[in-house]
């Protein structure tokens, strides 16, 4: 996904009360964390070997399932 799609998902997440953050180093580099702004905690992705990180497509799918 492109930088434009990343920006779109960042705005989508903020509108639903979440923050989309890039995961730094290590095996999850290039993945993203979704953080609940109210609780300050990361959301579980349900992806094996990537418990708290999402690809942009996985993040879009997860955010798309939420009601506003």
N, C-alpha and C. Protein backbone atom coordinates (compact mmCIF):
# COMPACT_ATOMS: atom_id res chain seq x y z
N UNK A 1 0.85 -1.19 0.00
CA UNK A 1 0.00 0.00 0.00
C UNK A 1 0.89 1.24 0.00
N UNK A 2 0.36 2.31 -0.49
CA UNK A 2 1.14 3.52 -0.67
C UNK A 2 1.04 4.44 0.55
N UNK A 3 1.86 5.47 0.51
CA UNK A 3 1.86 6.47 1.56
C UNK A 3 0.49 7.15 1.66
N UNK A 4 -0.17 7.32 0.53
CA UNK A 4 -1.50 7.92 0.52
C UNK A 4 -2.49 7.05 1.28
N UNK A 5 -2.40 5.74 1.07
CA UNK A 5 -3.28 4.82 1.79
C UNK A 5 -2.99 4.82 3.28
N UNK A 6 -1.70 4.94 3.64
CA UNK A 6 -1.33 5.02 5.05
C UNK A 6 -1.94 6.26 5.70
N UNK A 7 -1.88 7.38 5.01
CA UNK A 7 -2.46 8.62 5.53
C UNK A 7 -3.98 8.48 5.68
N UNK A 8 -4.61 7.86 4.70
CA UNK A 8 -6.06 7.63 4.77
C UNK A 8 -6.42 6.79 5.99
N UNK A 9 -5.67 5.72 6.21
CA UNK A 9 -5.96 4.85 7.37
C UNK A 9 -5.68 5.56 8.68
N UNK A 10 -4.69 6.44 8.71
CA UNK A 10 -4.40 7.21 9.91
C UNK A 10 -5.60 8.09 10.26
N UNK A 11 -6.17 8.75 9.26
CA UNK A 11 -7.36 9.59 9.49
C UNK A 11 -8.57 8.75 9.89
N UNK A 12 -8.73 7.61 9.24
CA UNK A 12 -9.84 6.71 9.56
C UNK A 12 -9.75 6.25 11.01
N UNK A 13 -8.56 5.86 11.43
CA UNK A 13 -8.35 5.40 12.81
C UNK A 13 -8.66 6.52 13.80
N UNK A 14 -8.17 7.72 13.54
CA UNK A 14 -8.43 8.85 14.44
C UNK A 14 -9.91 9.13 14.57
N UNK A 15 -10.63 9.03 13.46
CA UNK A 15 -12.07 9.26 13.48
C UNK A 15 -12.84 8.24 14.30
N UNK A 16 -12.23 7.09 14.54
CA UNK A 16 -12.89 6.03 15.30
C UNK A 16 -12.31 5.90 16.71
N UNK A 17 -11.44 6.85 17.10
CA UNK A 17 -10.90 6.84 18.45
C UNK A 17 -9.64 6.00 18.63
N UNK A 18 -8.93 5.78 17.54
CA UNK A 18 -7.71 4.98 17.57
C UNK A 18 -6.58 5.76 16.91
N UNK A 19 -5.35 5.32 17.17
CA UNK A 19 -4.17 5.90 16.55
C UNK A 19 -3.45 4.78 15.81
N UNK A 20 -3.03 5.06 14.59
CA UNK A 20 -2.26 4.10 13.80
C UNK A 20 -0.79 4.51 13.90
N UNK A 21 0.06 3.61 14.40
CA UNK A 21 1.48 3.89 14.55
C UNK A 21 2.30 2.84 13.84
N UNK A 22 3.41 3.27 13.25
CA UNK A 22 4.33 2.34 12.63
C UNK A 22 5.05 1.57 13.73
N UNK A 23 5.25 0.28 13.51
CA UNK A 23 6.03 -0.54 14.43
C UNK A 23 7.48 -0.39 14.00
N UNK A 24 8.35 -0.20 14.95
CA UNK A 24 9.75 0.09 14.66
C UNK A 24 10.56 -1.06 14.13
N UNK A 25 11.51 -1.49 14.88
CA UNK A 25 12.50 -2.46 14.43
C UNK A 25 12.06 -3.89 14.70
N UNK A 26 12.89 -4.81 14.25
CA UNK A 26 12.65 -6.21 14.53
C UNK A 26 11.82 -6.89 13.47
N UNK A 27 11.26 -8.04 13.83
CA UNK A 27 10.54 -8.84 12.85
C UNK A 27 9.24 -8.20 12.38
N UNK A 28 8.76 -7.21 13.08
CA UNK A 28 7.48 -6.58 12.71
C UNK A 28 7.68 -5.25 12.00
N UNK A 29 8.92 -4.97 11.58
CA UNK A 29 9.21 -3.74 10.84
C UNK A 29 8.31 -3.67 9.60
N UNK A 30 7.75 -2.51 9.38
CA UNK A 30 6.86 -2.35 8.23
C UNK A 30 5.41 -2.64 8.56
N UNK A 31 5.14 -2.99 9.80
CA UNK A 31 3.77 -3.26 10.23
C UNK A 31 3.31 -2.09 11.10
N UNK A 32 2.05 -2.11 11.49
CA UNK A 32 1.46 -1.00 12.21
C UNK A 32 0.73 -1.49 13.45
N UNK A 33 0.71 -0.64 14.46
CA UNK A 33 -0.05 -0.93 15.67
C UNK A 33 -1.27 0.00 15.68
N UNK A 34 -2.38 -0.52 16.15
CA UNK A 34 -3.58 0.29 16.35
C UNK A 34 -3.71 0.47 17.86
N UNK A 35 -3.76 1.72 18.29
CA UNK A 35 -3.79 2.03 19.72
C UNK A 35 -5.11 2.69 20.07
N UNK A 36 -5.76 2.17 21.09
CA UNK A 36 -7.01 2.73 21.59
C UNK A 36 -6.66 4.00 22.34
N UNK A 37 -7.13 5.16 21.86
CA UNK A 37 -6.78 6.43 22.49
C UNK A 37 -7.31 6.54 23.91
N UNK A 38 -8.48 6.03 24.17
CA UNK A 38 -9.09 6.14 25.49
C UNK A 38 -8.33 5.33 26.54
N UNK A 39 -7.89 4.16 26.16
CA UNK A 39 -7.22 3.26 27.10
C UNK A 39 -5.71 3.31 27.00
N UNK A 40 -5.19 3.79 25.89
CA UNK A 40 -3.76 3.84 25.67
C UNK A 40 -3.12 2.48 25.47
N UNK A 41 -3.91 1.52 25.02
CA UNK A 41 -3.39 0.16 24.84
C UNK A 41 -3.49 -0.27 23.38
N UNK A 42 -2.59 -1.18 23.01
CA UNK A 42 -2.60 -1.71 21.65
C UNK A 42 -3.72 -2.72 21.48
N UNK A 43 -4.25 -2.77 20.28
CA UNK A 43 -5.31 -3.70 19.92
C UNK A 43 -4.68 -4.99 19.42
N UNK A 44 -5.23 -6.12 19.82
CA UNK A 44 -4.75 -7.41 19.33
C UNK A 44 -5.18 -7.60 17.88
N UNK A 45 -4.24 -8.07 17.07
CA UNK A 45 -4.54 -8.24 15.65
C UNK A 45 -5.12 -9.61 15.33
N UNK A 46 -4.80 -10.60 16.15
CA UNK A 46 -5.26 -11.95 15.88
C UNK A 46 -4.45 -12.64 14.80
N UNK A 47 -3.34 -12.02 14.39
CA UNK A 47 -2.47 -12.59 13.36
C UNK A 47 -1.39 -13.42 14.05
N UNK A 48 -1.24 -14.69 13.69
CA UNK A 48 -0.19 -15.51 14.31
C UNK A 48 1.19 -14.87 14.11
N UNK A 49 1.98 -14.90 15.15
CA UNK A 49 3.34 -14.34 15.16
C UNK A 49 3.37 -12.82 15.03
N UNK A 50 2.26 -12.17 15.11
CA UNK A 50 2.19 -10.71 15.05
C UNK A 50 1.01 -10.24 15.89
N UNK A 51 1.04 -10.61 17.16
CA UNK A 51 -0.12 -10.45 18.03
C UNK A 51 -0.68 -9.03 18.10
N UNK A 52 0.20 -8.03 18.07
CA UNK A 52 -0.26 -6.65 18.21
C UNK A 52 0.10 -5.77 17.02
N UNK A 53 0.36 -6.38 15.86
CA UNK A 53 0.69 -5.56 14.70
C UNK A 53 -0.11 -6.00 13.48
N UNK A 54 -0.32 -5.04 12.59
CA UNK A 54 -1.16 -5.23 11.42
C UNK A 54 -0.40 -4.79 10.17
N UNK A 55 -0.67 -5.41 9.05
CA UNK A 55 -0.27 -4.82 7.77
C UNK A 55 -1.30 -3.72 7.51
N UNK A 56 -1.04 -2.87 6.54
CA UNK A 56 -2.03 -1.83 6.25
C UNK A 56 -3.36 -2.43 5.82
N UNK A 57 -3.33 -3.50 5.05
CA UNK A 57 -4.57 -4.14 4.62
C UNK A 57 -5.32 -4.72 5.81
N UNK A 58 -4.61 -5.37 6.73
CA UNK A 58 -5.24 -5.94 7.93
C UNK A 58 -5.82 -4.83 8.80
N UNK A 59 -5.09 -3.70 8.90
CA UNK A 59 -5.59 -2.56 9.68
C UNK A 59 -6.85 -1.98 9.05
N UNK A 60 -6.85 -1.86 7.74
CA UNK A 60 -8.03 -1.34 7.04
C UNK A 60 -9.23 -2.25 7.25
N UNK A 61 -9.02 -3.54 7.15
CA UNK A 61 -10.10 -4.51 7.38
C UNK A 61 -10.63 -4.41 8.80
N UNK A 62 -9.72 -4.32 9.78
CA UNK A 62 -10.12 -4.26 11.19
C UNK A 62 -10.90 -2.97 11.47
N UNK A 63 -10.39 -1.84 10.98
CA UNK A 63 -11.07 -0.56 11.21
C UNK A 63 -12.40 -0.52 10.48
N UNK A 64 -12.49 -1.17 9.33
CA UNK A 64 -13.73 -1.20 8.56
C UNK A 64 -14.85 -1.95 9.25
N UNK A 65 -14.50 -2.85 10.15
CA UNK A 65 -15.52 -3.62 10.88
C UNK A 65 -16.11 -2.85 12.06
N UNK A 66 -15.46 -1.74 12.46
CA UNK A 66 -15.93 -0.99 13.61
C UNK A 66 -17.08 -0.07 13.24
N UNK A 67 -18.01 0.05 14.15
CA UNK A 67 -19.07 1.04 13.98
C UNK A 67 -18.50 2.37 14.44
N UNK A 68 -18.96 3.45 13.86
CA UNK A 68 -18.43 4.77 14.21
C UNK A 68 -18.92 5.22 15.55
